[in-house]
Amino acid sequence: MDSALIVSGGERGIEALSQILRQAGLERLATVPTAARARQLLMEGTFSLCLINAPLPDETGERLALDLAARGECEVVLCLRAQEFEQVSSRVEGAGVLTVSKPLHRTLFWNTLKVAVATHRRVQRFRAENARLSRMLEDMRVIDRAKWQLITHRGLSEEEAHRFLEKQSMDTRRSKREVAEEILRAYAP
């Protein structure tokens, strides 16, 4: 986790949360006083963590937390007043929002941050694996289309088309996808 956005209507809250996050090793911090400002800032860039100190001057913070969790770009921690904690946390935790009750207990807050960091790392690994699998699937589609062109235009069997692509790939020291793309360009209408 490398960056955090703190959304808090009060200066004391911003200072206290900034200090805790810096102690946790987060140096790239941005702070905003309202949910509207947070939404604007998030259109310009992304953060690893968004910490919302509810309530905010322009909303309770619950809607912002749910919106951010739905986007899935960052981990969301919502700090709630003790009297609202049970009711609000039950509505947002299903969406993946971590909640803590105020006043913040330092140890509990540290543990929540550790959970957020671990979750963020796990999600990043899943995203990387998903991207890798998507690239592999797209490669297979391109290769299959190239095989079809070889079958259609050269009268090869599927096995012969497959061997042709593999041999061209090895002989030219290029990936099968690059060879397949070249074949598709050659037979493009």
C-alpha atoms as a PDB file:
ATOM      1  CA  MET A   1       0.000   0.000   0.000  1.00  0.00           C
ATOM      2  CA  ASP A   2       1.568   3.236  -1.074  1.00  0.00           C
ATOM      3  CA  SER A   3      -1.027   6.015  -0.857  1.00  0.00           C
ATOM      4  CA  ALA A   4      -4.022   7.036   1.196  1.00  0.00           C
ATOM      5  CA  LEU A   5      -6.857   9.519   1.026  1.00  0.00           C
ATOM      6  CA  ILE A   6      -8.217  10.837   4.305  1.00  0.00           C
ATOM      7  CA  VAL A   7     -11.730  12.293   4.172  1.00  0.00           C
ATOM      8  CA  SER A   8     -12.508  14.172   7.367  1.00  0.00           C
ATOM      9  CA  GLY A   9     -14.429  17.339   8.070  1.00  0.00           C
ATOM     10  CA  GLY A  10     -12.310  18.349  11.055  1.00  0.00           C
ATOM     11  CA  GLU A  11      -8.674  19.387  11.233  1.00  0.00           C
ATOM     12  CA  ARG A  12      -8.108  17.403  14.438  1.00  0.00           C
ATOM     13  CA  GLY A  13      -9.313  14.233  12.719  1.00  0.00           C
ATOM     14  CA  ILE A  14      -7.099  14.869   9.707  1.00  0.00           C
ATOM     15  CA  GLU A  15      -4.034  15.466  11.891  1.00  0.00           C
ATOM     16  CA  ALA A  16      -4.605  12.398  14.061  1.00  0.00           C
ATOM     17  CA  LEU A  17      -5.309  10.071  11.131  1.00  0.00           C
ATOM     18  CA  SER A  18      -2.383  11.457   9.117  1.00  0.00           C
ATOM     19  CA  GLN A  19      -0.044  10.789  12.026  1.00  0.00           C
ATOM     20  CA  ILE A  20      -1.248   7.190  12.388  1.00  0.00           C
ATOM     21  CA  LEU A  21      -0.951   6.501   8.658  1.00  0.00           C
ATOM     22  CA  ARG A  22       2.549   7.970   8.509  1.00  0.00           C
ATOM     23  CA  GLN A  23       3.554   5.728  11.409  1.00  0.00           C
ATOM     24  CA  ALA A  24       2.160   2.816   9.385  1.00  0.00           C
ATOM     25  CA  GLY A  25       4.544   3.734   6.560  1.00  0.00           C
ATOM     26  CA  LEU A  26       2.196   5.614   4.239  1.00  0.00           C
ATOM     27  CA  GLU A  27       3.942   8.749   3.084  1.00  0.00           C
ATOM     28  CA  ARG A  28       1.775   9.753   0.129  1.00  0.00           C
ATOM     29  CA  LEU A  29      -1.281  11.185   1.855  1.00  0.00           C
ATOM     30  CA  ALA A  30      -4.017  13.425   0.535  1.00  0.00           C
ATOM     31  CA  THR A  31      -6.675  14.984   2.715  1.00  0.00           C
ATOM     32  CA  VAL A  32     -10.054  16.475   1.830  1.00  0.00           C
ATOM     33  CA  PRO A  33     -12.856  17.814   4.045  1.00  0.00           C
ATOM     34  CA  THR A  34     -15.918  16.606   2.097  1.00  0.00           C
ATOM     35  CA  ALA A  35     -17.255  13.633   0.148  1.00  0.00           C
ATOM     36  CA  ALA A  36     -17.704  15.843  -2.923  1.00  0.00           C
ATOM     37  CA  ARG A  37     -14.020  16.834  -2.851  1.00  0.00           C
ATOM     38  CA  ALA A  38     -13.044  13.179  -2.361  1.00  0.00           C
ATOM     39  CA  ARG A  39     -15.029  12.165  -5.454  1.00  0.00           C
ATOM     40  CA  GLN A  40     -13.335  14.927  -7.481  1.00  0.00           C
ATOM     41  CA  LEU A  41      -9.887  13.866  -6.329  1.00  0.00           C
ATOM     42  CA  LEU A  42     -10.609  10.199  -7.084  1.00  0.00           C
ATOM     43  CA  MET A  43     -11.515  11.084 -10.674  1.00  0.00           C
ATOM     44  CA  GLU A  44      -7.968  12.426 -11.069  1.00  0.00           C
ATOM     45  CA  GLY A  45      -6.132   9.451  -9.564  1.00  0.00           C
ATOM     46  CA  THR A  46      -6.300   6.386  -7.378  1.00  0.00           C
ATOM     47  CA  PHE A  47      -5.279   5.566  -3.825  1.00  0.00           C
ATOM     48  CA  SER A  48      -4.537   2.286  -2.092  1.00  0.00           C
ATOM     49  CA  LEU A  49      -6.563   3.256   0.974  1.00  0.00           C
ATOM     50  CA  CYS A  50      -9.428   5.630   1.626  1.00  0.00           C
ATOM     51  CA  LEU A  51     -10.078   6.485   5.251  1.00  0.00           C
ATOM     52  CA  ILE A  52     -13.416   8.190   5.913  1.00  0.00           C
ATOM     53  CA  ASN A  53     -13.942   9.907   9.274  1.00  0.00           C
ATOM     54  CA  ALA A  54     -17.750  10.064   9.465  1.00  0.00           C
ATOM     55  CA  PRO A  55     -19.872  12.092   9.549  1.00  0.00           C
ATOM     56  CA  LEU A  56     -18.745  14.481   6.840  1.00  0.00           C
ATOM     57  CA  PRO A  57     -20.036  18.034   6.357  1.00  0.00           C
ATOM     58  CA  ASP A  58     -21.893  17.112   3.151  1.00  0.00           C
ATOM     59  CA  GLU A  59     -23.028  13.527   3.927  1.00  0.00           C
ATOM     60  CA  THR A  60     -22.803  10.761   6.512  1.00  0.00           C
ATOM     61  CA  GLY A  61     -19.857   9.051   4.757  1.00  0.00           C
ATOM     62  CA  GLU A  62     -21.753   5.798   4.254  1.00  0.00           C
ATOM     63  CA  ARG A  63     -22.642   6.535   0.600  1.00  0.00           C
ATOM     64  CA  LEU A  64     -19.037   7.521  -0.188  1.00  0.00           C
ATOM     65  CA  ALA A  65     -17.733   4.330   1.436  1.00  0.00           C
ATOM     66  CA  LEU A  66     -20.155   2.177  -0.569  1.00  0.00           C
ATOM     67  CA  ASP A  67     -19.337   4.010  -3.823  1.00  0.00           C
ATOM     68  CA  LEU A  68     -15.596   3.543  -3.301  1.00  0.00           C
ATOM     69  CA  ALA A  69     -15.980  -0.113  -2.366  1.00  0.00           C
ATOM     70  CA  ALA A  70     -18.064  -0.712  -5.510  1.00  0.00           C
ATOM     71  CA  ARG A  71     -15.324   0.822  -7.664  1.00  0.00           C
ATOM     72  CA  GLY A  72     -12.863  -1.639  -6.141  1.00  0.00           C
ATOM     73  CA  GLU A  73      -9.819   0.571  -6.641  1.00  0.00           C
ATOM     74  CA  CYS A  74      -8.899   0.981  -2.973  1.00  0.00           C
ATOM     75  CA  GLU A  75      -9.503  -0.424   0.454  1.00  0.00           C
ATOM     76  CA  VAL A  76     -12.059   1.579   2.423  1.00  0.00           C
ATOM     77  CA  VAL A  77     -12.056   2.141   6.191  1.00  0.00           C
ATOM     78  CA  LEU A  78     -15.045   3.970   7.652  1.00  0.00           C
ATOM     79  CA  CYS A  79     -14.669   5.477  11.151  1.00  0.00           C
ATOM     80  CA  LEU A  80     -18.096   5.765  12.797  1.00  0.00           C
ATOM     81  CA  ARG A  81     -19.501   7.261  15.975  1.00  0.00           C
ATOM     82  CA  ALA A  82     -20.188   4.575  18.569  1.00  0.00           C
ATOM     83  CA  GLN A  83     -23.963   5.164  18.501  1.00  0.00           C
ATOM     84  CA  GLU A  84     -24.081   4.609  14.698  1.00  0.00           C
ATOM     85  CA  PHE A  85     -21.524   1.820  14.508  1.00  0.00           C
ATOM     86  CA  GLU A  86     -23.727  -1.291  14.681  1.00  0.00           C
ATOM     87  CA  GLN A  87     -26.372  -0.065  12.263  1.00  0.00           C
ATOM     88  CA  VAL A  88     -24.058   1.434   9.621  1.00  0.00           C
ATOM     89  CA  SER A  89     -21.383  -1.267   9.799  1.00  0.00           C
ATOM     90  CA  SER A  90     -23.983  -3.971   9.108  1.00  0.00           C
ATOM     91  CA  ARG A  91     -24.981  -2.113   5.916  1.00  0.00           C
ATOM     92  CA  VAL A  92     -21.475  -1.476   4.550  1.00  0.00           C
ATOM     93  CA  GLU A  93     -19.378  -4.466   5.576  1.00  0.00           C
ATOM     94  CA  GLY A  94     -21.059  -6.711   3.006  1.00  0.00           C
ATOM     95  CA  ALA A  95     -19.666  -4.395   0.325  1.00  0.00           C
ATOM     96  CA  GLY A  96     -16.133  -4.834   1.684  1.00  0.00           C
ATOM     97  CA  VAL A  97     -15.895  -1.679   3.780  1.00  0.00           C
ATOM     98  CA  LEU A  98     -13.899  -2.069   7.005  1.00  0.00           C
ATOM     99  CA  THR A  99     -15.441  -0.223   9.940  1.00  0.00           C
ATOM    100  CA  VAL A 100     -14.072   1.032  13.249  1.00  0.00           C
ATOM    101  CA  SER A 101     -15.858   2.730  16.115  1.00  0.00           C
ATOM    102  CA  LYS A 102     -14.866   6.123  17.483  1.00  0.00           C
ATOM    103  CA  PRO A 103     -13.187   7.060  19.681  1.00  0.00           C
ATOM    104  CA  LEU A 104     -10.460   5.094  17.933  1.00  0.00           C
ATOM    105  CA  HIS A 105      -8.661   2.514  19.992  1.00  0.00           C
ATOM    106  CA  ARG A 106      -5.089   2.581  18.681  1.00  0.00           C
ATOM    107  CA  THR A 107      -4.508  -1.207  18.718  1.00  0.00           C
ATOM    108  CA  LEU A 108      -7.842  -1.958  17.069  1.00  0.00           C
ATOM    109  CA  PHE A 109      -7.192   0.705  14.438  1.00  0.00           C
ATOM    110  CA  TRP A 110      -3.710  -0.723  13.716  1.00  0.00           C
ATOM    111  CA  ASN A 111      -5.248  -4.180  13.303  1.00  0.00           C
ATOM    112  CA  THR A 112      -7.837  -2.752  10.907  1.00  0.00           C
ATOM    113  CA  LEU A 113      -5.058  -1.145   8.881  1.00  0.00           C
ATOM    114  CA  LYS A 114      -3.205  -4.464   8.753  1.00  0.00           C
ATOM    115  CA  VAL A 115      -6.345  -6.165   7.442  1.00  0.00           C
ATOM    116  CA  ALA A 116      -6.713  -3.417   4.824  1.00  0.00           C
ATOM    117  CA  VAL A 117      -3.079  -3.838   3.727  1.00  0.00           C
ATOM    118  CA  ALA A 118      -3.392  -7.630   3.506  1.00  0.00           C
ATOM    119  CA  THR A 119      -6.657  -7.365   1.582  1.00  0.00           C
ATOM    120  CA  HIS A 120      -5.168  -4.815  -0.801  1.00  0.00           C
ATOM    121  CA  ARG A 121      -2.192  -7.073  -1.537  1.00  0.00           C
ATOM    122  CA  ARG A 122      -4.436 -10.085  -2.111  1.00  0.00           C
ATOM    123  CA  VAL A 123      -6.700  -8.120  -4.469  1.00  0.00           C
ATOM    124  CA  GLN A 124      -3.639  -6.851  -6.386  1.00  0.00           C
ATOM    125  CA  ARG A 125      -2.444 -10.455  -6.863  1.00  0.00           C
ATOM    126  CA  PHE A 126      -5.893 -11.487  -8.099  1.00  0.00           C
ATOM    127  CA  ARG A 127      -5.978  -8.568 -10.531  1.00  0.00           C
ATOM    128  CA  ALA A 128      -2.533  -9.455 -11.888  1.00  0.00           C
ATOM    129  CA  GLU A 129      -3.562 -13.091 -12.319  1.00  0.00           C
ATOM    130  CA  ASN A 130      -6.799 -12.029 -13.979  1.00  0.00           C
ATOM    131  CA  ALA A 131      -4.884  -9.793 -16.414  1.00  0.00           C
ATOM    132  CA  ARG A 132      -2.480 -12.638 -17.209  1.00  0.00           C
ATOM    133  CA  LEU A 133      -5.333 -15.059 -17.868  1.00  0.00           C
ATOM    134  CA  SER A 134      -7.149 -12.479 -20.008  1.00  0.00           C
ATOM    135  CA  ARG A 135      -4.020 -12.019 -22.142  1.00  0.00           C
ATOM    136  CA  MET A 136      -3.688 -15.793 -22.523  1.00  0.00           C
ATOM    137  CA  LEU A 137      -7.337 -16.087 -23.572  1.00  0.00           C
ATOM    138  CA  GLU A 138      -6.956 -13.287 -26.108  1.00  0.00           C
ATOM    139  CA  ASP A 139      -3.780 -14.958 -27.461  1.00  0.00           C
ATOM    140  CA  MET A 140      -5.709 -18.200 -27.892  1.00  0.00           C
ATOM    141  CA  ARG A 141      -8.493 -16.383 -29.771  1.00  0.00           C
ATOM    142  CA  VAL A 142      -6.039 -14.730 -32.162  1.00  0.00           C
ATOM    143  CA  ILE A 143      -4.210 -18.034 -32.731  1.00  0.00           C
ATOM    144  CA  ASP A 144      -7.484 -19.869 -33.380  1.00  0.00           C
ATOM    145  CA  ARG A 145      -8.558 -17.222 -35.910  1.00  0.00           C
ATOM    146  CA  ALA A 146      -5.193 -17.561 -37.661  1.00  0.00           C
ATOM    147  CA  LYS A 147      -5.581 -21.361 -37.743  1.00  0.00           C
ATOM    148  CA  TRP A 148      -9.004 -20.903 -39.316  1.00  0.00           C
ATOM    149  CA  GLN A 149      -7.479 -18.688 -42.004  1.00  0.00           C
ATOM    150  CA  LEU A 150      -4.828 -21.334 -42.744  1.00  0.00           C
ATOM    151  CA  ILE A 151      -7.506 -24.035 -42.905  1.00  0.00           C
ATOM    152  CA  THR A 152      -9.700 -21.913 -45.182  1.00  0.00           C
ATOM    153  CA  HIS A 153      -7.063 -20.423 -47.512  1.00  0.00           C
ATOM    154  CA  ARG A 154      -4.368 -23.102 -47.558  1.00  0.00           C
ATOM    155  CA  GLY A 155      -6.511 -26.177 -47.100  1.00  0.00           C
ATOM    156  CA  LEU A 156      -4.600 -27.340 -44.031  1.00  0.00           C
ATOM    157  CA  SER A 157      -6.101 -29.532 -41.333  1.00  0.00           C
ATOM    158  CA  GLU A 158      -6.341 -28.065 -37.841  1.00  0.00           C
ATOM    159  CA  GLU A 159      -3.361 -30.149 -36.747  1.00  0.00           C
ATOM    160  CA  GLU A 160      -1.305 -28.963 -39.745  1.00  0.00           C
ATOM    161  CA  ALA A 161      -2.283 -25.342 -39.095  1.00  0.00           C
ATOM    162  CA  HIS A 162      -1.229 -25.745 -35.466  1.00  0.00           C
ATOM    163  CA  ARG A 163       2.132 -27.244 -36.449  1.00  0.00           C
ATOM    164  CA  PHE A 164       2.624 -24.492 -39.057  1.00  0.00           C
ATOM    165  CA  LEU A 165       2.103 -21.780 -36.414  1.00  0.00           C
ATOM    166  CA  GLU A 166       4.440 -23.498 -33.950  1.00  0.00           C
ATOM    167  CA  LYS A 167       7.155 -23.988 -36.584  1.00  0.00           C
ATOM    168  CA  GLN A 168       6.921 -20.377 -37.780  1.00  0.00           C
ATOM    169  CA  SER A 169       7.095 -19.225 -34.168  1.00  0.00           C
ATOM    170  CA  MET A 170      10.241 -21.268 -33.478  1.00  0.00           C
ATOM    171  CA  ASP A 171      11.913 -20.471 -36.820  1.00  0.00           C
ATOM    172  CA  THR A 172      11.389 -16.715 -36.500  1.00  0.00           C
ATOM    173  CA  ARG A 173      11.812 -16.590 -32.703  1.00  0.00           C
ATOM    174  CA  ARG A 174       8.520 -14.812 -32.236  1.00  0.00           C
ATOM    175  CA  SER A 175       5.507 -15.689 -30.153  1.00  0.00           C
ATOM    176  CA  LYS A 176       2.693 -17.721 -31.675  1.00  0.00           C
ATOM    177  CA  ARG A 177       0.461 -14.683 -31.282  1.00  0.00           C
ATOM    178  CA  GLU A 178       2.816 -12.495 -33.334  1.00  0.00           C
ATOM    179  CA  VAL A 179       2.899 -15.136 -36.081  1.00  0.00           C
ATOM    180  CA  ALA A 180      -0.898 -15.467 -35.887  1.00  0.00           C
ATOM    181  CA  GLU A 181      -1.348 -11.687 -36.189  1.00  0.00           C
ATOM    182  CA  GLU A 182       0.892 -11.680 -39.262  1.00  0.00           C
ATOM    183  CA  ILE A 183      -1.226 -14.442 -40.826  1.00  0.00           C
ATOM    184  CA  LEU A 184      -4.415 -12.541 -40.056  1.00  0.00           C
ATOM    185  CA  ARG A 185      -2.988  -9.401 -41.701  1.00  0.00           C
ATOM    186  CA  ALA A 186      -1.946 -11.439 -44.764  1.00  0.00           C
ATOM    187  CA  TYR A 187      -5.438 -12.828 -45.250  1.00  0.00           C
ATOM    188  CA  ALA A 188      -7.336  -9.666 -44.253  1.00  0.00           C
ATOM    189  CA  PRO A 189      -9.888  -8.535 -46.851  1.00  0.00           C
END
